[in-house]
Amino acid sequence: QVQLVESGGRLVQAGGSLRLSCAGSGRTFSNYVYVMGWFRQAPGKEREFVATISRSGGNTVYADSVKGRFTISRDNAHNTAYLQMNSLKPEDTAVYYCAADQGIGVLSASSRDYDYWGQGTQVTVSS
């Protein structure tokens, strides 16, 4: 089984920065490197893709809405993925979820391709 735990969400002013962390654990997680992704869900809206990173960390894909402001990274030695968020805007307010994809390694923006999910961490950006 795989467990993902996000942390780092909080209230921040517009223009500020946050770094979210996603710690993976479980026997399967320790033995296999997953494609990792970040998604977010604002009140009354559907969950949307934010960013994803390959197993090695060498390839990344971002949603247009965060490109140039957010950076996804990972530390495989510590089973952790990160989302560095800069120049935050009020429209970035959402619950942020990390997810793990145990598939063939294709970077996907679809939540349906991810197998494991964390419980989410709230990010609130005030204007």
Foldseek 3Di string as FASTA:
>chain_A
DKAKAKDWADEEAAQAKTKMKIAMDDPVLLVDQFWKFKWWDDPPGDIFGAKIAFSVRPDMDGDPVQPPFWDWGDDSVRRMIMIIGGRDDQVVWTWMKMFTAPDDGDDDGDPVRTDDIHPTDTHGYHD
